[in-house]
């Protein structure tokens, strides 16, 4: 991936996700299209959060139409 492709990809990610910084190393990412929540710790990969039934957790504010 060259610099331009990387820049375009980062732009797409910023448009697709709402990113909430929890603390210095923890972020909650919410997919604007599906409402699925992901956790990111430091520079690690995104990890989906699951509800008690084992399905992806849908953000409550997304469900309520607030995101």
PDB file of N, CA and C in Angstrom:
ATOM      1  N   UNK A   1       0.860  -1.169   0.000  1.00  0.00           N
ATOM      2  CA  UNK A   1       0.000   0.000   0.000  1.00  0.00           C
ATOM      3  C   UNK A   1       0.906   1.231   0.000  1.00  0.00           C
ATOM      4  N   UNK A   2       0.750   2.081  -1.008  1.00  0.00           N
ATOM      5  CA  UNK A   2       1.570   3.289  -1.050  1.00  0.00           C
ATOM      6  C   UNK A   2       0.948   4.387  -0.173  1.00  0.00           C
ATOM      7  N   UNK A   3       1.623   5.530  -0.083  1.00  0.00           N
ATOM      8  CA  UNK A   3       1.178   6.611   0.816  1.00  0.00           C
ATOM      9  C   UNK A   3      -0.223   7.110   0.480  1.00  0.00           C
ATOM     10  N   UNK A   4      -0.506   7.298  -0.800  1.00  0.00           N
ATOM     11  CA  UNK A   4      -1.824   7.807  -1.193  1.00  0.00           C
ATOM     12  C   UNK A   4      -2.917   6.804  -0.858  1.00  0.00           C
ATOM     13  N   UNK A   5      -2.671   5.526  -1.163  1.00  0.00           N
ATOM     14  CA  UNK A   5      -3.658   4.493  -0.851  1.00  0.00           C
ATOM     15  C   UNK A   5      -3.902   4.421   0.653  1.00  0.00           C
ATOM     16  N   UNK A   6      -2.844   4.533   1.431  1.00  0.00           N
ATOM     17  CA  UNK A   6      -2.977   4.508   2.896  1.00  0.00           C
ATOM     18  C   UNK A   6      -3.781   5.705   3.385  1.00  0.00           C
ATOM     19  N   UNK A   7      -3.490   6.876   2.842  1.00  0.00           N
ATOM     20  CA  UNK A   7      -4.211   8.090   3.228  1.00  0.00           C
ATOM     21  C   UNK A   7      -5.702   7.961   2.896  1.00  0.00           C
ATOM     22  N   UNK A   8      -6.012   7.434   1.707  1.00  0.00           N
ATOM     23  CA  UNK A   8      -7.403   7.239   1.302  1.00  0.00           C
ATOM     24  C   UNK A   8      -8.105   6.229   2.205  1.00  0.00           C
ATOM     25  N   UNK A   9      -7.376   5.171   2.565  1.00  0.00           N
ATOM     26  CA  UNK A   9      -7.944   4.134   3.441  1.00  0.00           C
ATOM     27  C   UNK A   9      -8.254   4.704   4.824  1.00  0.00           C
ATOM     28  N   UNK A  10      -7.346   5.486   5.374  1.00  0.00           N
ATOM     29  CA  UNK A  10      -7.568   6.109   6.682  1.00  0.00           C
ATOM     30  C   UNK A  10      -8.765   7.051   6.611  1.00  0.00           C
ATOM     31  N   UNK A  11      -8.901   7.779   5.518  1.00  0.00           N
ATOM     32  CA  UNK A  11     -10.053   8.666   5.342  1.00  0.00           C
ATOM     33  C   UNK A  11     -11.358   7.865   5.342  1.00  0.00           C
ATOM     34  N   UNK A  12     -11.373   6.728   4.645  1.00  0.00           N
ATOM     35  CA  UNK A  12     -12.557   5.867   4.626  1.00  0.00           C
ATOM     36  C   UNK A  12     -12.904   5.384   6.028  1.00  0.00           C
ATOM     37  N   UNK A  13     -11.889   4.994   6.802  1.00  0.00           N
ATOM     38  CA  UNK A  13     -12.125   4.532   8.174  1.00  0.00           C
ATOM     39  C   UNK A  13     -12.710   5.652   9.024  1.00  0.00           C
ATOM     40  N   UNK A  14     -12.175   6.849   8.893  1.00  0.00           N
ATOM     41  CA  UNK A  14     -12.683   7.983   9.672  1.00  0.00           C
ATOM     42  C   UNK A  14     -14.126   8.310   9.312  1.00  0.00           C
ATOM     43  N   UNK A  15     -14.503   8.079   8.066  1.00  0.00           N
ATOM     44  CA  UNK A  15     -15.879   8.333   7.648  1.00  0.00           C
ATOM     45  C   UNK A  15     -16.813   7.212   8.104  1.00  0.00           C
ATOM     46  N   UNK A  16     -16.315   6.009   8.246  1.00  0.00           N
ATOM     47  CA  UNK A  16     -17.166   4.860   8.578  1.00  0.00           C
ATOM     48  C   UNK A  16     -17.380   4.690  10.072  1.00  0.00           C
ATOM     49  N   UNK A  17     -16.426   5.120  10.900  1.00  0.00           N
ATOM     50  CA  UNK A  17     -16.488   4.859  12.335  1.00  0.00           C
ATOM     51  C   UNK A  17     -16.567   6.131  13.165  1.00  0.00           C
ATOM     52  N   UNK A  18     -17.335   6.060  14.251  1.00  0.00           N
ATOM     53  CA  UNK A  18     -17.252   7.046  15.317  1.00  0.00           C
ATOM     54  C   UNK A  18     -16.234   6.483  16.302  1.00  0.00           C
ATOM     55  N   UNK A  19     -15.242   7.278  16.657  1.00  0.00           N
ATOM     56  CA  UNK A  19     -14.181   6.801  17.536  1.00  0.00           C
ATOM     57  C   UNK A  19     -14.238   7.603  18.833  1.00  0.00           C
ATOM     58  N   UNK A  20     -14.363   6.883  19.946  1.00  0.00           N
ATOM     59  CA  UNK A  20     -14.453   7.506  21.265  1.00  0.00           C
ATOM     60  C   UNK A  20     -13.248   7.075  22.088  1.00  0.00           C
ATOM     61  N   UNK A  21     -12.439   8.042  22.490  1.00  0.00           N
ATOM     62  CA  UNK A  21     -11.276   7.736  23.319  1.00  0.00           C
ATOM     63  C   UNK A  21     -11.750   7.576  24.754  1.00  0.00           C
ATOM     64  N   UNK A  22     -11.494   6.390  25.323  1.00  0.00           N
ATOM     65  CA  UNK A  22     -11.895   6.092  26.694  1.00  0.00           C
ATOM     66  C   UNK A  22     -10.832   6.587  27.671  1.00  0.00           C
ATOM     67  N   UNK A  23      -9.595   6.261  27.376  1.00  0.00           N
ATOM     68  CA  UNK A  23      -8.457   6.755  28.156  1.00  0.00           C
ATOM     69  C   UNK A  23      -7.262   6.829  27.218  1.00  0.00           C
ATOM     70  N   UNK A  24      -6.072   6.922  27.766  1.00  0.00           N
ATOM     71  CA  UNK A  24      -4.871   7.134  26.955  1.00  0.00           C
ATOM     72  C   UNK A  24      -4.655   6.035  25.906  1.00  0.00           C
ATOM     73  N   UNK A  25      -5.028   4.794  26.210  1.00  0.00           N
ATOM     74  CA  UNK A  25      -4.746   3.687  25.289  1.00  0.00           C
ATOM     75  C   UNK A  25      -5.982   2.944  24.804  1.00  0.00           C
ATOM     76  N   UNK A  26      -7.155   3.303  25.259  1.00  0.00           N
ATOM     77  CA  UNK A  26      -8.365   2.546  24.925  1.00  0.00           C
ATOM     78  C   UNK A  26      -9.328   3.407  24.113  1.00  0.00           C
ATOM     79  N   UNK A  27      -9.821   2.836  23.006  1.00  0.00           N
ATOM     80  CA  UNK A  27     -10.806   3.514  22.170  1.00  0.00           C
ATOM     81  C   UNK A  27     -11.977   2.578  21.893  1.00  0.00           C
ATOM     82  N   UNK A  28     -13.164   3.150  21.847  1.00  0.00           N
ATOM     83  CA  UNK A  28     -14.358   2.428  21.411  1.00  0.00           C
ATOM     84  C   UNK A  28     -14.672   2.920  20.009  1.00  0.00           C
ATOM     85  N   UNK A  29     -14.720   2.003  19.065  1.00  0.00           N
ATOM     86  CA  UNK A  29     -15.058   2.320  17.686  1.00  0.00           C
ATOM     87  C   UNK A  29     -16.464   1.816  17.423  1.00  0.00           C
ATOM     88  N   UNK A  30     -17.318   2.655  16.844  1.00  0.00           N
ATOM     89  CA  UNK A  30     -18.684   2.257  16.511  1.00  0.00           C
ATOM     90  C   UNK A  30     -18.870   2.432  15.000  1.00  0.00           C
ATOM     91  N   UNK A  31     -19.227   1.337  14.342  1.00  0.00           N
ATOM     92  CA  UNK A  31     -19.461   1.348  12.912  1.00  0.00           C
ATOM     93  C   UNK A  31     -20.731   2.154  12.639  1.00  0.00           C
ATOM     94  N   UNK A  32     -20.617   3.206  11.853  1.00  0.00           N
ATOM     95  CA  UNK A  32     -21.761   4.074  11.561  1.00  0.00           C
ATOM     96  C   UNK A  32     -22.835   3.378  10.716  1.00  0.00           C
ATOM     97  N   UNK A  33     -22.460   2.319   9.995  1.00  0.00           N
ATOM     98  CA  UNK A  33     -23.418   1.618   9.141  1.00  0.00           C
ATOM     99  C   UNK A  33     -24.167   0.520   9.872  1.00  0.00           C
ATOM    100  N   UNK A  34     -23.507  -0.151  10.819  1.00  0.00           N
ATOM    101  CA  UNK A  34     -24.116  -1.299  11.484  1.00  0.00           C
ATOM    102  C   UNK A  34     -24.352  -1.097  12.972  1.00  0.00           C
ATOM    103  N   UNK A  35     -23.634  -0.143  13.584  1.00  0.00           N
ATOM    104  CA  UNK A  35     -23.736   0.071  15.025  1.00  0.00           C
ATOM    105  C   UNK A  35     -22.897  -0.892  15.844  1.00  0.00           C
ATOM    106  N   UNK A  36     -22.177  -1.805  15.198  1.00  0.00           N
ATOM    107  CA  UNK A  36     -21.347  -2.770  15.922  1.00  0.00           C
ATOM    108  C   UNK A  36     -20.207  -2.037  16.629  1.00  0.00           C
ATOM    109  N   UNK A  37     -19.966  -2.448  17.886  1.00  0.00           N
ATOM    110  CA  UNK A  37     -18.912  -1.846  18.696  1.00  0.00           C
ATOM    111  C   UNK A  37     -17.629  -2.672  18.617  1.00  0.00           C
ATOM    112  N   UNK A  38     -16.505  -1.960  18.563  1.00  0.00           N
ATOM    113  CA  UNK A  38     -15.179  -2.579  18.562  1.00  0.00           C
ATOM    114  C   UNK A  38     -14.335  -1.889  19.625  1.00  0.00           C
ATOM    115  N   UNK A  39     -13.423  -2.639  20.213  1.00  0.00           N
ATOM    116  CA  UNK A  39     -12.508  -2.099  21.205  1.00  0.00           C
ATOM    117  C   UNK A  39     -11.113  -2.121  20.607  1.00  0.00           C
ATOM    118  N   UNK A  40     -10.371  -1.045  20.829  1.00  0.00           N
ATOM    119  CA  UNK A  40      -8.981  -0.978  20.377  1.00  0.00           C
ATOM    120  C   UNK A  40      -8.130  -0.561  21.560  1.00  0.00           C
ATOM    121  N   UNK A  41      -7.127  -1.367  21.857  1.00  0.00           N
ATOM    122  CA  UNK A  41      -6.205  -1.090  22.950  1.00  0.00           C
ATOM    123  C   UNK A  41      -4.848  -0.740  22.359  1.00  0.00           C
ATOM    124  N   UNK A  42      -4.395   0.492  22.582  1.00  0.00           N
ATOM    125  CA  UNK A  42      -3.108   0.922  22.028  1.00  0.00           C
ATOM    126  C   UNK A  42      -3.125   0.873  20.515  1.00  0.00           C
ATOM    127  N   UNK A  43      -2.084   0.270  19.955  1.00  0.00           N
ATOM    128  CA  UNK A  43      -1.982   0.145  18.497  1.00  0.00           C
ATOM    129  C   UNK A  43      -2.409  -1.231  18.009  1.00  0.00           C
ATOM    130  N   UNK A  44      -3.194  -1.941  18.803  1.00  0.00           N
ATOM    131  CA  UNK A  44      -3.610  -3.290  18.425  1.00  0.00           C
ATOM    132  C   UNK A  44      -4.766  -3.242  17.425  1.00  0.00           C
ATOM    133  N   UNK A  45      -5.158  -4.420  16.978  1.00  0.00           N
ATOM    134  CA  UNK A  45      -6.269  -4.527  16.033  1.00  0.00           C
ATOM    135  C   UNK A  45      -7.596  -4.218  16.727  1.00  0.00           C
ATOM    136  N   UNK A  46      -8.604  -3.993  15.917  1.00  0.00           N
ATOM    137  CA  UNK A  46      -9.949  -3.797  16.461  1.00  0.00           C
ATOM    138  C   UNK A  46     -10.503  -5.152  16.882  1.00  0.00           C
ATOM    139  N   UNK A  47     -11.130  -5.185  18.042  1.00  0.00           N
ATOM    140  CA  UNK A  47     -11.741  -6.424  18.529  1.00  0.00           C
ATOM    141  C   UNK A  47     -13.229  -6.185  18.727  1.00  0.00           C
ATOM    142  N   UNK A  48     -14.063  -6.975  18.072  1.00  0.00           N
ATOM    143  CA  UNK A  48     -15.501  -6.777  18.236  1.00  0.00           C
ATOM    144  C   UNK A  48     -15.934  -7.120  19.661  1.00  0.00           C
ATOM    145  N   UNK A  49     -16.928  -6.392  20.146  1.00  0.00           N
ATOM    146  CA  UNK A  49     -17.523  -6.686  21.445  1.00  0.00           C
ATOM    147  C   UNK A  49     -18.785  -7.500  21.206  1.00  0.00           C
ATOM    148  N   UNK A  50     -19.025  -8.474  22.088  1.00  0.00           N
ATOM    149  CA  UNK A  50     -20.167  -9.369  21.921  1.00  0.00           C
ATOM    150  C   UNK A  50     -21.138  -9.236  23.090  1.00  0.00           C
ATOM    151  N   UNK A  51     -22.426  -9.437  22.803  1.00  0.00           N
ATOM    152  CA  UNK A  51     -23.444  -9.418  23.852  1.00  0.00           C
ATOM    153  C   UNK A  51     -23.495 -10.798  24.513  1.00  0.00           C
ATOM    154  N   UNK A  52     -24.303 -10.970  25.556  1.00  0.00           N
ATOM    155  CA  UNK A  52     -24.362 -12.264  26.248  1.00  0.00           C
ATOM    156  C   UNK A  52     -24.776 -13.451  25.366  1.00  0.00           C
ATOM    157  N   UNK A  53     -25.477 -13.185  24.261  1.00  0.00           N
ATOM    158  CA  UNK A  53     -25.884 -14.266  23.359  1.00  0.00           C
ATOM    159  C   UNK A  53     -24.777 -14.644  22.379  1.00  0.00           C
ATOM    160  N   UNK A  54     -23.642 -13.923  22.432  1.00  0.00           N
ATOM    161  CA  UNK A  54     -22.527 -14.211  21.536  1.00  0.00           C
ATOM    162  C   UNK A  54     -22.611 -13.513  20.193  1.00  0.00           C
ATOM    163  N   UNK A  55     -23.554 -12.582  20.048  1.00  0.00           N
ATOM    164  CA  UNK A  55     -23.689 -11.814  18.809  1.00  0.00           C
ATOM    165  C   UNK A  55     -22.962 -10.480  18.980  1.00  0.00           C
ATOM    166  N   UNK A  56     -22.556  -9.839  17.868  1.00  0.00           N
ATOM    167  CA  UNK A  56     -21.894  -8.536  17.989  1.00  0.00           C
ATOM    168  C   UNK A  56     -22.772  -7.540  18.745  1.00  0.00           C
ATOM    169  N   UNK A  57     -22.147  -6.783  19.635  1.00  0.00           N
ATOM    170  CA  UNK A  57     -22.870  -5.800  20.427  1.00  0.00           C
ATOM    171  C   UNK A  57     -23.185  -4.575  19.572  1.00  0.00           C
ATOM    172  N   UNK A  58     -24.449  -4.177  19.545  1.00  0.00           N
ATOM    173  CA  UNK A  58     -24.881  -2.991  18.812  1.00  0.00           C
ATOM    174  C   UNK A  58     -24.968  -1.836  19.806  1.00  0.00           C
ATOM    175  N   UNK A  59     -24.319  -0.739  19.466  1.00  0.00           N
ATOM    176  CA  UNK A  59     -24.269   0.423  20.336  1.00  0.00           C
ATOM    177  C   UNK A  59     -25.672   0.948  20.636  1.00  0.00           C
ATOM    178  N   UNK A  60     -25.948   1.226  21.909  1.00  0.00           N
ATOM    179  CA  UNK A  60     -27.281   1.690  22.329  1.00  0.00           C
ATOM    180  C   UNK A  60     -27.654   3.023  21.688  1.00  0.00           C
ATOM    181  N   UNK A  61     -26.710   3.950  21.627  1.00  0.00           N
ATOM    182  CA  UNK A  61     -27.000   5.256  21.007  1.00  0.00           C
ATOM    183  C   UNK A  61     -27.297   5.095  19.515  1.00  0.00           C
ATOM    184  N   UNK A  62     -26.638   4.144  18.859  1.00  0.00           N
ATOM    185  CA  UNK A  62     -26.921   3.851  17.452  1.00  0.00           C
ATOM    186  C   UNK A  62     -28.357   3.338  17.316  1.00  0.00           C
ATOM    187  N   UNK A  63     -28.736   2.399  18.202  1.00  0.00           N
ATOM    188  CA  UNK A  63     -30.096   1.846  18.172  1.00  0.00           C
ATOM    189  C   UNK A  63     -31.142   2.936  18.365  1.00  0.00           C
ATOM    190  N   UNK A  64     -30.818   3.918  19.216  1.00  0.00           N
ATOM    191  CA  UNK A  64     -31.752   5.008  19.521  1.00  0.00           C
ATOM    192  C   UNK A  64     -31.697   6.132  18.485  1.00  0.00           C
ATOM    193  N   UNK A  65     -30.863   5.976  17.459  1.00  0.00           N
ATOM    194  CA  UNK A  65     -30.758   6.980  16.401  1.00  0.00           C
ATOM    195  C   UNK A  65     -29.981   8.221  16.806  1.00  0.00           C
ATOM    196  N   UNK A  66     -29.129   8.105  17.814  1.00  0.00           N
ATOM    197  CA  UNK A  66     -28.390   9.265  18.307  1.00  0.00           C
ATOM    198  C   UNK A  66     -26.970   9.355  17.758  1.00  0.00           C
ATOM    199  N   UNK A  67     -26.549   8.354  16.994  1.00  0.00           N
ATOM    200  CA  UNK A  67     -25.217   8.409  16.366  1.00  0.00           C
ATOM    201  C   UNK A  67     -25.348   8.560  14.877  1.00  0.00           C
TER     202      UNK A  67
END
